[in-house]
Amino acid sequence: MSERLSVLKTYKLYVGGKFPRSESGRVYEVTTQTSAADAAGKQNWLANAPLSSRKDARDAVVAARKAFGGWSGATAYNRGQILYRIAEMLEGRRDQYVAEVADAEGLSKSKAAAQVDAAIDRWVWYAGWTDKIAQVVGGGNPVAGPFFNLSSPEPTGVVAVLAPQKSSFLGLVSVLAPVIATGNTAVVIASEKSPLPALSLGEVLATSDLPGGVVNILSGRTAEIATPLAAHQDVNAIDLAGADETLAKELEIAAADNLKRVLRPQPVDDADWSASPGTDRMTAFLETKTVWHPTGALGVSGSSY
């Protein structure tokens, strides 16, 4: 029996619930280092990833804006159900992600498995927060007068997310899940050197219950894609987790034009993604809406009702 040829995987972008190739038609080689102990630093070819253009970035923003109304308007409980379903599907593809993370980061299978398990657990964790974060950051406010004064969190809008460069899957989940858990939509720029786990995540999202456009995933040169997103007037916020110091400063300046929210971790891209995440990344992309409502004239009983 003759030896068969393996079927190589074609990686594509994930935009608006579909899998387009880059508008530019360009690709770039993704390689891995076989071992940290490899003195020659030998690089193995893994795949050709799409090299996104400015047009791809603009298309992703359009898709994210279109999806925002439905996703932000869904109940928090429903968002939690959808995120949990994604975690279920990630668990079903665990072996695939272990292999991709091992190749992407030059890890042993056991260390890659630990990263993937932590990423899936973190996705479940954020799924559980969707209908609880409002109780933590919202509530009734005491005022001097016959009024109800209530504050509630609302999503900021379309968030551009620069995924961490060094943590191709756990870091990606750590910056993406809190953005969509709170009702925002996202345009994600995958790790430039290790984009394959992120592009594979698009395949999971497409077959889950997540509406198309809620998450859009681009691969390519981080600076080339991030620059138009930072200046885009219909992007409301940007997470600079995957930018170096120089790029982060440039993007902050561009983002100021329409007063984007900017999350710039310090030090940039040196975070310990295995640490407990807390709620900071959820509250970073929430706005607080405060509503005043009269209670009516207070009578002898203390209430008009």
Foldseek 3Di string as FASTA:
>chain_A
DDDDDDDADDFAWAAQLDGDAAPVPDWDWFWFQQAPPPPVSDIHTRYTYGAHAQVLLVRLLVLQQVCQVVQQPDALLVLLVLLLQLLVVLVVCLVVQLVLQCRLQVHDSVVSSVLSVLLSVVSNVLSVCSNPVQVVPWAWDDDDAQKTKTKGKGFQEEEEEEFFQNRQRLSNSLQPNLNSSRRYAYEYEGRANRPVVVSVSSVSCSPTPNRGSSYTYDYHDCLRHLQCVLQDLSHAAYEQQHPAPVSLVNSVVNNPVNDHQYHADPPRSPDDSSDDSPCVSNVSRIDMDMDMDGQDDQDPVRGPD
